[in-house]
C-alpha atoms as a PDB file:
ATOM      1  CA  MET A   1      10.540  14.423  -7.602  1.00  0.00           C
ATOM      2  CA  GLU A   2       8.464  15.676  -4.734  1.00  0.00           C
ATOM      3  CA  PRO A   3       5.865  13.730  -2.878  1.00  0.00           C
ATOM      4  CA  LYS A   4       3.539  16.518  -3.479  1.00  0.00           C
ATOM      5  CA  VAL A   5       3.215  15.219  -7.000  1.00  0.00           C
ATOM      6  CA  PHE A   6       0.990  12.663  -5.853  1.00  0.00           C
ATOM      7  CA  ASP A   7      -1.331  15.041  -4.099  1.00  0.00           C
ATOM      8  CA  ALA A   8      -5.030  14.698  -4.840  1.00  0.00           C
ATOM      9  CA  GLY A   9      -5.999  18.192  -4.344  1.00  0.00           C
ATOM     10  CA  ASP A  10      -8.217  19.744  -1.860  1.00  0.00           C
ATOM     11  CA  ILE A  11     -10.445  16.673  -0.712  1.00  0.00           C
ATOM     12  CA  ASP A  12     -12.234  15.345   2.494  1.00  0.00           C
ATOM     13  CA  ILE A  13     -10.109  12.381   3.989  1.00  0.00           C
ATOM     14  CA  ALA A  14     -12.748   9.853   5.581  1.00  0.00           C
ATOM     15  CA  TRP A  15     -10.479   8.575   8.369  1.00  0.00           C
ATOM     16  CA  CYS A  16     -10.680   9.141  12.007  1.00  0.00           C
ATOM     17  CA  PRO A  17      -8.229  11.413  13.868  1.00  0.00           C
ATOM     18  CA  GLY A  18      -5.026   9.754  14.579  1.00  0.00           C
ATOM     19  CA  CYS A  19      -5.554   6.847  12.126  1.00  0.00           C
ATOM     20  CA  GLY A  20      -2.401   5.161  11.096  1.00  0.00           C
ATOM     21  CA  ASN A  21      -3.664   5.497   7.427  1.00  0.00           C
ATOM     22  CA  PHE A  22      -2.436   9.155   7.465  1.00  0.00           C
ATOM     23  CA  ALA A  23       1.228   8.048   8.130  1.00  0.00           C
ATOM     24  CA  ILE A  24       0.820   5.359   5.541  1.00  0.00           C
ATOM     25  CA  LEU A  25      -0.241   7.695   2.871  1.00  0.00           C
ATOM     26  CA  ASP A  26       2.612  10.142   3.617  1.00  0.00           C
ATOM     27  CA  ALA A  27       5.108   7.072   3.488  1.00  0.00           C
ATOM     28  CA  LEU A  28       3.831   5.835   0.407  1.00  0.00           C
ATOM     29  CA  LYS A  29       4.045   9.221  -1.365  1.00  0.00           C
ATOM     30  CA  GLN A  30       7.639   9.612  -0.232  1.00  0.00           C
ATOM     31  CA  ALA A  31       8.537   5.999  -1.421  1.00  0.00           C
ATOM     32  CA  LEU A  32       7.092   6.747  -4.848  1.00  0.00           C
ATOM     33  CA  ALA A  33       8.837  10.286  -5.320  1.00  0.00           C
ATOM     34  CA  LYS A  34      12.312   8.643  -4.201  1.00  0.00           C
ATOM     35  CA  LEU A  35      11.638   6.122  -6.897  1.00  0.00           C
ATOM     36  CA  GLY A  36      10.624   8.568  -9.626  1.00  0.00           C
ATOM     37  CA  THR A  37       7.431   6.878 -10.317  1.00  0.00           C
ATOM     38  CA  LYS A  38       5.288   8.949 -12.509  1.00  0.00           C
ATOM     39  CA  PRO A  39       1.474   9.196 -11.428  1.00  0.00           C
ATOM     40  CA  GLU A  40       0.411   8.271 -14.978  1.00  0.00           C
ATOM     41  CA  ASN A  41       2.373   5.119 -14.748  1.00  0.00           C
ATOM     42  CA  LEU A  42       1.027   4.062 -11.301  1.00  0.00           C
ATOM     43  CA  VAL A  43      -2.096   1.847 -10.839  1.00  0.00           C
ATOM     44  CA  ILE A  44      -3.221   1.139  -7.325  1.00  0.00           C
ATOM     45  CA  VAL A  45      -5.822  -1.708  -6.903  1.00  0.00           C
ATOM     46  CA  SER A  46      -7.948  -1.674  -3.895  1.00  0.00           C
ATOM     47  CA  GLY A  47     -10.950  -3.680  -2.372  1.00  0.00           C
ATOM     48  CA  ILE A  48     -13.297  -2.635   0.346  1.00  0.00           C
ATOM     49  CA  GLY A  49     -12.378  -1.002   3.758  1.00  0.00           C
ATOM     50  CA  GLN A  50     -10.547   2.125   5.157  1.00  0.00           C
ATOM     51  CA  ALA A  51      -7.138   1.139   4.056  1.00  0.00           C
ATOM     52  CA  ALA A  52      -8.736   0.580   0.520  1.00  0.00           C
ATOM     53  CA  LYS A  53      -9.355   4.343   0.219  1.00  0.00           C
ATOM     54  CA  ILE A  54      -5.683   4.945  -0.033  1.00  0.00           C
ATOM     55  CA  PRO A  55      -6.030   5.379  -4.004  1.00  0.00           C
ATOM     56  CA  HIS A  56      -8.776   7.798  -3.549  1.00  0.00           C
ATOM     57  CA  TYR A  57      -6.249  10.312  -2.023  1.00  0.00           C
ATOM     58  CA  LEU A  58      -3.473   9.858  -4.524  1.00  0.00           C
ATOM     59  CA  LYS A  59      -2.918  11.142  -8.035  1.00  0.00           C
ATOM     60  CA  CYS A  60      -2.794   7.816  -9.988  1.00  0.00           C
ATOM     61  CA  ASN A  61      -4.731   5.229 -11.899  1.00  0.00           C
ATOM     62  CA  VAL A  62      -7.141   3.428  -9.670  1.00  0.00           C
ATOM     63  CA  PHE A  63      -9.233   0.150  -9.682  1.00  0.00           C
ATOM     64  CA  HIS A  64     -11.596  -0.074  -7.002  1.00  0.00           C
ATOM     65  CA  GLY A  65     -13.112  -3.585  -6.850  1.00  0.00           C
ATOM     66  CA  LEU A  66     -14.788  -6.241  -4.683  1.00  0.00           C
ATOM     67  CA  HIS A  67     -13.960  -7.082  -1.270  1.00  0.00           C
ATOM     68  CA  GLY A  68     -11.076  -9.568  -1.265  1.00  0.00           C
ATOM     69  CA  ARG A  69     -10.528  -9.659  -4.937  1.00  0.00           C
ATOM     70  CA  THR A  70      -7.674  -7.154  -5.296  1.00  0.00           C
ATOM     71  CA  LEU A  71      -4.815  -9.313  -5.956  1.00  0.00           C
ATOM     72  CA  PRO A  72      -6.073 -11.130  -9.156  1.00  0.00           C
ATOM     73  CA  VAL A  73      -6.984  -7.722 -10.626  1.00  0.00           C
ATOM     74  CA  ALA A  74      -3.620  -6.380  -9.901  1.00  0.00           C
ATOM     75  CA  THR A  75      -1.899  -9.496 -11.453  1.00  0.00           C
ATOM     76  CA  ALA A  76      -3.826  -9.209 -14.619  1.00  0.00           C
ATOM     77  CA  ILE A  77      -3.121  -5.594 -14.967  1.00  0.00           C
ATOM     78  CA  ARG A  78       0.656  -6.068 -14.678  1.00  0.00           C
ATOM     79  CA  ALA A  79       0.381  -9.106 -16.752  1.00  0.00           C
ATOM     80  CA  THR A  80      -1.078  -7.013 -19.703  1.00  0.00           C
ATOM     81  CA  ASN A  81       1.097  -3.964 -19.323  1.00  0.00           C
ATOM     82  CA  PRO A  82       4.495  -4.698 -17.597  1.00  0.00           C
ATOM     83  CA  GLU A  83       5.312  -1.126 -18.056  1.00  0.00           C
ATOM     84  CA  LEU A  84       3.214  -0.121 -15.099  1.00  0.00           C
ATOM     85  CA  THR A  85       3.838   0.088 -11.462  1.00  0.00           C
ATOM     86  CA  VAL A  86       1.063  -2.016  -9.767  1.00  0.00           C
ATOM     87  CA  ILE A  87       0.165  -1.861  -6.170  1.00  0.00           C
ATOM     88  CA  ALA A  88      -2.413  -3.895  -4.452  1.00  0.00           C
ATOM     89  CA  GLU A  89      -3.568  -2.081  -1.232  1.00  0.00           C
ATOM     90  CA  GLY A  90      -5.968  -3.235   1.474  1.00  0.00           C
ATOM     91  CA  GLY A  91      -6.634  -4.022   4.987  1.00  0.00           C
ATOM     92  CA  ASP A  92      -6.066  -7.247   7.005  1.00  0.00           C
ATOM     93  CA  GLY A  93      -9.693  -8.222   6.501  1.00  0.00           C
ATOM     94  CA  ASP A  94      -9.770  -7.440   3.035  1.00  0.00           C
ATOM     95  CA  MET A  95      -6.592  -9.361   2.043  1.00  0.00           C
ATOM     96  CA  TYR A  96      -6.162 -12.072   4.723  1.00  0.00           C
ATOM     97  CA  ALA A  97      -9.862 -13.168   5.348  1.00  0.00           C
ATOM     98  CA  GLU A  98     -12.046 -12.394   2.161  1.00  0.00           C
ATOM     99  CA  GLY A  99      -9.025 -12.314  -0.031  1.00  0.00           C
ATOM    100  CA  GLY A 100      -7.089 -15.020   1.878  1.00  0.00           C
ATOM    101  CA  ASN A 101      -7.221 -17.678  -1.111  1.00  0.00           C
ATOM    102  CA  HIS A 102      -5.879 -15.032  -3.399  1.00  0.00           C
ATOM    103  CA  PHE A 103      -3.033 -14.161  -1.202  1.00  0.00           C
ATOM    104  CA  LEU A 104      -1.823 -17.828  -1.013  1.00  0.00           C
ATOM    105  CA  HIS A 105      -1.839 -18.015  -4.767  1.00  0.00           C
ATOM    106  CA  ALA A 106      -0.503 -14.479  -5.593  1.00  0.00           C
ATOM    107  CA  VAL A 107       2.513 -15.705  -3.528  1.00  0.00           C
ATOM    108  CA  ARG A 108       2.888 -18.782  -5.525  1.00  0.00           C
ATOM    109  CA  ARG A 109       2.396 -17.005  -8.772  1.00  0.00           C
ATOM    110  CA  ASN A 110       5.021 -14.414  -8.085  1.00  0.00           C
ATOM    111  CA  PRO A 111       3.487 -11.570 -10.267  1.00  0.00           C
ATOM    112  CA  ASN A 112       5.641  -8.370 -10.433  1.00  0.00           C
ATOM    113  CA  ILE A 113       3.279  -6.335  -8.028  1.00  0.00           C
ATOM    114  CA  THR A 114       3.616  -4.777  -4.442  1.00  0.00           C
ATOM    115  CA  ASN A 115       1.020  -5.910  -1.916  1.00  0.00           C
ATOM    116  CA  ILE A 116       0.815  -3.328   0.922  1.00  0.00           C
ATOM    117  CA  VAL A 117      -1.567  -4.685   3.934  1.00  0.00           C
ATOM    118  CA  HIS A 118      -2.704  -2.253   6.401  1.00  0.00           C
ATOM    119  CA  ASN A 119      -2.801  -4.532   9.395  1.00  0.00           C
ATOM    120  CA  ASN A 120      -4.482  -2.733  12.518  1.00  0.00           C
ATOM    121  CA  MET A 121      -5.779  -6.364  13.877  1.00  0.00           C
ATOM    122  CA  VAL A 122      -9.429  -5.206  13.710  1.00  0.00           C
ATOM    123  CA  TYR A 123     -12.267  -4.560  11.042  1.00  0.00           C
ATOM    124  CA  GLY A 124     -12.335  -0.803  11.086  1.00  0.00           C
ATOM    125  CA  LEU A 125     -14.862  -0.104   8.358  1.00  0.00           C
ATOM    126  CA  THR A 126     -17.616  -2.447   9.804  1.00  0.00           C
ATOM    127  CA  LYS A 127     -17.398  -1.092  13.299  1.00  0.00           C
ATOM    128  CA  GLY A 128     -14.754  -3.283  15.243  1.00  0.00           C
ATOM    129  CA  GLN A 129     -15.421  -7.017  15.116  1.00  0.00           C
ATOM    130  CA  ALA A 130     -12.264  -9.295  14.932  1.00  0.00           C
ATOM    131  CA  SER A 131     -10.013  -9.761  12.132  1.00  0.00           C
ATOM    132  CA  PRO A 132      -7.814 -12.526  11.081  1.00  0.00           C
ATOM    133  CA  THR A 133      -4.801 -11.087  12.790  1.00  0.00           C
ATOM    134  CA  SER A 134      -6.680 -10.089  15.905  1.00  0.00           C
ATOM    135  CA  GLN A 135      -4.825 -11.361  19.078  1.00  0.00           C
ATOM    136  CA  ILE A 136      -6.055 -14.151  21.292  1.00  0.00           C
ATOM    137  CA  GLY A 137      -8.284 -12.510  24.084  1.00  0.00           C
ATOM    138  CA  PHE A 138      -9.186  -9.441  22.076  1.00  0.00           C
ATOM    139  CA  ARG A 139     -12.750  -8.513  23.017  1.00  0.00           C
ATOM    140  CA  THR A 140     -15.096  -6.960  20.561  1.00  0.00           C
ATOM    141  CA  PRO A 141     -19.011  -6.231  20.356  1.00  0.00           C
ATOM    142  CA  ALA A 142     -19.050  -9.464  18.178  1.00  0.00           C
ATOM    143  CA  GLN A 143     -16.408 -11.539  20.277  1.00  0.00           C
ATOM    144  CA  VAL A 144     -17.749 -10.778  23.645  1.00  0.00           C
ATOM    145  CA  ASP A 145     -15.735 -13.471  25.353  1.00  0.00           C
ATOM    146  CA  GLY A 146     -12.669 -12.618  23.556  1.00  0.00           C
ATOM    147  CA  VAL A 147     -10.955 -14.109  20.308  1.00  0.00           C
ATOM    148  CA  PHE A 148      -9.766 -17.714  20.856  1.00  0.00           C
ATOM    149  CA  LEU A 149      -8.604 -18.372  17.411  1.00  0.00           C
ATOM    150  CA  GLU A 150      -4.910 -18.426  16.446  1.00  0.00           C
ATOM    151  CA  PRO A 151      -4.110 -15.235  14.682  1.00  0.00           C
ATOM    152  CA  PHE A 152      -3.170 -15.643  11.003  1.00  0.00           C
ATOM    153  CA  ASN A 153       0.445 -14.734  10.480  1.00  0.00           C
ATOM    154  CA  PRO A 154       1.072 -13.476   6.919  1.00  0.00           C
ATOM    155  CA  VAL A 155       4.648 -12.972   7.045  1.00  0.00           C
ATOM    156  CA  ALA A 156       5.302 -16.723   8.239  1.00  0.00           C
ATOM    157  CA  VAL A 157       2.828 -18.001   5.437  1.00  0.00           C
ATOM    158  CA  ALA A 158       4.484 -15.802   2.871  1.00  0.00           C
ATOM    159  CA  VAL A 159       7.965 -17.048   3.829  1.00  0.00           C
ATOM    160  CA  SER A 160       6.660 -20.741   3.942  1.00  0.00           C
ATOM    161  CA  LEU A 161       5.548 -20.546   0.365  1.00  0.00           C
ATOM    162  CA  ASP A 162       8.908 -18.805  -0.749  1.00  0.00           C
ATOM    163  CA  ALA A 163       7.601 -15.283  -1.454  1.00  0.00           C
ATOM    164  CA  SER A 164      10.282 -13.164  -3.377  1.00  0.00           C
ATOM    165  CA  PHE A 165       9.982 -10.404  -0.983  1.00  0.00           C
ATOM    166  CA  VAL A 166       8.450 -10.382   2.648  1.00  0.00           C
ATOM    167  CA  SER A 167       8.694  -7.337   4.958  1.00  0.00           C
ATOM    168  CA  ARG A 168       6.716  -5.777   7.976  1.00  0.00           C
ATOM    169  CA  ALA A 169       6.601  -2.106   8.819  1.00  0.00           C
ATOM    170  CA  PHE A 170       5.020   0.284  11.247  1.00  0.00           C
ATOM    171  CA  SER A 171       3.046   3.219  10.433  1.00  0.00           C
ATOM    172  CA  GLY A 172       4.622   5.144  13.262  1.00  0.00           C
ATOM    173  CA  ASP A 173       7.768   5.374  11.747  1.00  0.00           C
ATOM    174  CA  ILE A 174       7.233   7.055   8.445  1.00  0.00           C
ATOM    175  CA  ARG A 175      11.068   7.318   7.555  1.00  0.00           C
ATOM    176  CA  GLN A 176      11.533   3.439   7.891  1.00  0.00           C
ATOM    177  CA  THR A 177       8.239   2.622   6.442  1.00  0.00           C
ATOM    178  CA  SER A 178       9.015   4.649   3.371  1.00  0.00           C
ATOM    179  CA  GLU A 179      12.217   2.985   2.955  1.00  0.00           C
ATOM    180  CA  ILE A 180      10.636  -0.682   3.127  1.00  0.00           C
ATOM    181  CA  LEU A 181       7.984   0.617   0.757  1.00  0.00           C
ATOM    182  CA  ALA A 182      10.459   1.794  -1.752  1.00  0.00           C
ATOM    183  CA  ARG A 183      12.393  -1.394  -1.584  1.00  0.00           C
ATOM    184  CA  ALA A 184       9.301  -3.494  -2.200  1.00  0.00           C
ATOM    185  CA  ILE A 185       8.001  -1.406  -5.144  1.00  0.00           C
ATOM    186  CA  SER A 186      11.400  -1.621  -6.855  1.00  0.00           C
ATOM    187  CA  HIS A 187      11.571  -5.474  -6.202  1.00  0.00           C
ATOM    188  CA  LYS A 188      10.920  -7.694  -9.226  1.00  0.00           C
ATOM    189  CA  GLY A 189       8.443 -10.178  -8.272  1.00  0.00           C
ATOM    190  CA  TYR A 190       5.602 -10.189  -5.501  1.00  0.00           C
ATOM    191  CA  ALA A 191       6.420  -8.103  -2.575  1.00  0.00           C
ATOM    192  CA  LEU A 192       4.530  -8.132   0.731  1.00  0.00           C
ATOM    193  CA  VAL A 193       4.467  -5.223   3.110  1.00  0.00           C
ATOM    194  CA  ASP A 194       2.588  -6.237   6.142  1.00  0.00           C
ATOM    195  CA  LEU A 195       2.176  -2.850   7.641  1.00  0.00           C
ATOM    196  CA  LEU A 196       1.070  -2.647  11.395  1.00  0.00           C
ATOM    197  CA  GLN A 197      -0.941   0.366  12.268  1.00  0.00           C
ATOM    198  CA  PRO A 198      -3.188   1.475  15.065  1.00  0.00           C
ATOM    199  CA  CYS A 199      -6.995   1.796  14.961  1.00  0.00           C
ATOM    200  CA  THR A 200      -7.788   4.602  17.117  1.00  0.00           C
ATOM    201  CA  SER A 201     -11.520   3.926  17.199  1.00  0.00           C
ATOM    202  CA  PHE A 202     -12.017   0.308  17.575  1.00  0.00           C
ATOM    203  CA  ASN A 203      -8.648  -1.263  18.776  1.00  0.00           C
ATOM    204  CA  ARG A 204      -7.897   0.199  22.266  1.00  0.00           C
ATOM    205  CA  VAL A 205      -5.346  -2.589  22.975  1.00  0.00           C
ATOM    206  CA  GLN A 206      -2.919  -2.663  19.847  1.00  0.00           C
ATOM    207  CA  THR A 207      -2.460   1.192  20.092  1.00  0.00           C
ATOM    208  CA  HIS A 208       0.587   3.169  18.741  1.00  0.00           C
ATOM    209  CA  GLN A 209       2.260   2.892  21.955  1.00  0.00           C
ATOM    210  CA  TRP A 210       1.467  -0.822  21.964  1.00  0.00           C
ATOM    211  CA  PHE A 211       3.393  -1.419  18.549  1.00  0.00           C
ATOM    212  CA  LYS A 212       6.217   0.836  19.882  1.00  0.00           C
ATOM    213  CA  GLU A 213       6.710  -1.399  22.768  1.00  0.00           C
ATOM    214  CA  ASN A 214       6.076  -4.819  21.065  1.00  0.00           C
ATOM    215  CA  THR A 215       8.161  -4.388  17.796  1.00  0.00           C
ATOM    216  CA  TYR A 216      11.848  -4.136  16.952  1.00  0.00           C
ATOM    217  CA  TYR A 217      14.066  -3.663  13.776  1.00  0.00           C
ATOM    218  CA  LEU A 218      15.972  -6.295  12.166  1.00  0.00           C
ATOM    219  CA  ASP A 219      19.710  -5.440  12.261  1.00  0.00           C
ATOM    220  CA  ASP A 220      22.468  -6.314   9.820  1.00  0.00           C
ATOM    221  CA  SER A 221      23.019  -9.556  11.376  1.00  0.00           C
ATOM    222  CA  HIS A 222      19.731 -10.915   9.955  1.00  0.00           C
ATOM    223  CA  ASN A 223      20.430 -12.695   6.426  1.00  0.00           C
ATOM    224  CA  PRO A 224      17.057 -12.283   4.399  1.00  0.00           C
ATOM    225  CA  GLY A 225      18.424 -14.898   2.049  1.00  0.00           C
ATOM    226  CA  ASP A 226      18.267 -17.296   4.841  1.00  0.00           C
ATOM    227  CA  ARG A 227      14.761 -18.999   4.503  1.00  0.00           C
ATOM    228  CA  VAL A 228      14.847 -20.921   7.718  1.00  0.00           C
ATOM    229  CA  GLU A 229      16.228 -18.020   9.689  1.00  0.00           C
ATOM    230  CA  ALA A 230      13.498 -15.669   8.172  1.00  0.00           C
ATOM    231  CA  PHE A 231      10.823 -18.253   9.209  1.00  0.00           C
ATOM    232  CA  LYS A 232      11.909 -18.241  12.540  1.00  0.00           C
ATOM    233  CA  ARG A 233      11.791 -14.565  12.695  1.00  0.00           C
ATOM    234  CA  ALA A 234       8.429 -14.516  11.238  1.00  0.00           C
ATOM    235  CA  THR A 235       7.218 -16.820  13.918  1.00  0.00           C
ATOM    236  CA  GLU A 236       8.522 -14.499  16.827  1.00  0.00           C
ATOM    237  CA  ARG A 237       5.611 -13.607  19.321  1.00  0.00           C
ATOM    238  CA  GLU A 238       7.274 -11.705  22.065  1.00  0.00           C
ATOM    239  CA  LYS A 239       8.296  -8.875  19.926  1.00  0.00           C
ATOM    240  CA  LEU A 240       7.310  -8.578  16.319  1.00  0.00           C
ATOM    241  CA  PRO A 241      10.246  -7.978  13.703  1.00  0.00           C
ATOM    242  CA  LEU A 242      10.156  -4.933  11.619  1.00  0.00           C
ATOM    243  CA  GLY A 243      12.209  -4.762   8.269  1.00  0.00           C
ATOM    244  CA  ILE A 244      12.745  -7.210   5.265  1.00  0.00           C
ATOM    245  CA  LEU A 245      12.325 -10.827   6.567  1.00  0.00           C
ATOM    246  CA  TYR A 246      12.982 -12.619   3.411  1.00  0.00           C
ATOM    247  CA  LEU A 247      14.280 -12.220  -0.120  1.00  0.00           C
ATOM    248  CA  HIS A 248      14.420 -14.590  -3.017  1.00  0.00           C
ATOM    249  CA  PRO A 249      15.259 -11.992  -5.782  1.00  0.00           C
ATOM    250  CA  ASP A 250      15.940 -14.556  -8.775  1.00  0.00           C
ATOM    251  CA  LYS A 251      12.574 -16.296  -8.487  1.00  0.00           C
ATOM    252  CA  PRO A 252      10.912 -15.916 -11.953  1.00  0.00           C
ATOM    253  CA  THR A 253       7.933 -13.708 -12.096  1.00  0.00           C
ATOM    254  CA  PHE A 254       4.464 -14.719 -13.159  1.00  0.00           C
ATOM    255  CA  GLU A 255       4.775 -12.672 -16.492  1.00  0.00           C
ATOM    256  CA  GLU A 256       8.284 -14.191 -17.247  1.00  0.00           C
ATOM    257  CA  ASN A 257       6.608 -17.651 -16.888  1.00  0.00           C
ATOM    258  CA  LEU A 258       3.791 -16.726 -19.288  1.00  0.00           C
ATOM    259  CA  GLY A 259       6.099 -16.698 -22.016  1.00  0.00           C
ATOM    260  CA  VAL A 260       4.139 -14.071 -24.049  1.00  0.00           C
ATOM    261  CA  TYR A 261       6.939 -11.391 -23.471  1.00  0.00           C
ATOM    262  CA  ARG A 262      10.082 -13.843 -24.162  1.00  0.00           C
ATOM    263  CA  GLU A 263      10.274 -12.533 -28.013  1.00  0.00           C
ATOM    264  CA  ASP A 264       8.061  -9.631 -27.719  1.00  0.00           C
ATOM    265  CA  LYS A 265       8.290  -7.145 -24.852  1.00  0.00           C
ATOM    266  CA  ASP A 266       5.615  -4.971 -26.238  1.00  0.00           C
ATOM    267  CA  PRO A 267       2.401  -4.764 -23.597  1.00  0.00           C
ATOM    268  CA  LEU A 268      -0.450  -6.924 -24.805  1.00  0.00           C
ATOM    269  CA  TYR A 269      -2.783  -3.975 -25.451  1.00  0.00           C
ATOM    270  CA  ARG A 270      -0.417  -2.611 -28.125  1.00  0.00           C
ATOM    271  CA  ARG A 271      -0.346  -5.784 -30.221  1.00  0.00           C
ATOM    272  CA  LYS A 272      -2.339  -6.266 -33.067  1.00  0.00           C
ATOM    273  CA  LEU A 273      -4.733  -9.323 -33.048  1.00  0.00           C
ATOM    274  CA  ARG A 274      -3.522 -11.958 -35.588  1.00  0.00           C
ATOM    275  CA  LEU A 275      -6.065 -14.356 -36.119  1.00  0.00           C
ATOM    276  CA  GLU A 276      -4.404 -16.743 -38.194  1.00  0.00           C
ATOM    277  CA  LYS A 277      -1.746 -17.031 -35.263  1.00  0.00           C
ATOM    278  CA  LEU A 278      -4.421 -17.666 -32.655  1.00  0.00           C
ATOM    279  CA  ARG A 279      -5.968 -20.182 -34.965  1.00  0.00           C
ATOM    280  CA  ALA A 280      -2.634 -21.938 -35.105  1.00  0.00           C
ATOM    281  CA  LEU A 281      -2.276 -21.885 -31.522  1.00  0.00           C
ATOM    282  CA  ILE A 282      -5.509 -23.236 -30.711  1.00  0.00           C
ATOM    283  CA  GLU A 283      -4.898 -26.179 -33.282  1.00  0.00           C
ATOM    284  CA  SER A 284      -1.646 -26.803 -31.726  1.00  0.00           C
ATOM    285  CA  LYS A 285      -3.137 -27.324 -28.287  1.00  0.00           C
ATOM    286  CA  ARG A 286      -6.136 -29.535 -29.364  1.00  0.00           C
ATOM    287  CA  GLY A 287      -5.980 -33.169 -27.943  1.00  0.00           C
ATOM    288  CA  LEU A 288      -3.452 -32.190 -25.142  1.00  0.00           C
END
């Protein structure tokens, strides 16, 4: 399959020149094409922000919702139709601030979805105030004396909660990012891709060159099945590790724990409503 299958046609793309989102869009197309994902079987759920515009520029099914509310919608879509490939996409503000509570509980639930977070360490859509991942000392028109809060570390939090797939990528390396995205999308369970990218308009500190100089790729000596070692890597500060930090591939998914697919694999929307069974179920739960 060719990546052009996902092209949305002749459309205007509302991103600044040099934005990392362009590379992420290309890497995502390549990953989906490599996996043979059909556009009609793909759903991308997004919230508010520049990153959340990604599904507007892809040929796929789209649910564009409220700020920070992407993950519960994606979880519900996958639970009602496990035949779909479901991706929740948004920025570091959308996912880690407004959606921070949903992020924590998505990790705990382990739905079979991919969570791609465009992390440019700033709010791009709303003109440059600090985001949850902004580094200490970062100055903005809203934080005139510099950020003094500890930056939110999503990969460390995900590992600490025993997420089934935790990774970090960089938009400047399209080939490696595409490979990480393909691994995440094909993974069974919740898969986090914290995707570092420059914001050319509002972050003049964490530039493309800064990410090049302050990241490194994990090599074959790293064991992603070792949770303690993964947490150590996730908390490194001098240089940020890229690649797959942690894997727990045998963790039961949210859909498996629901039980509705144990005997019947048909998606919920295909099933006929049987009122007598519904009544019996309700009666069986009374008094619990």
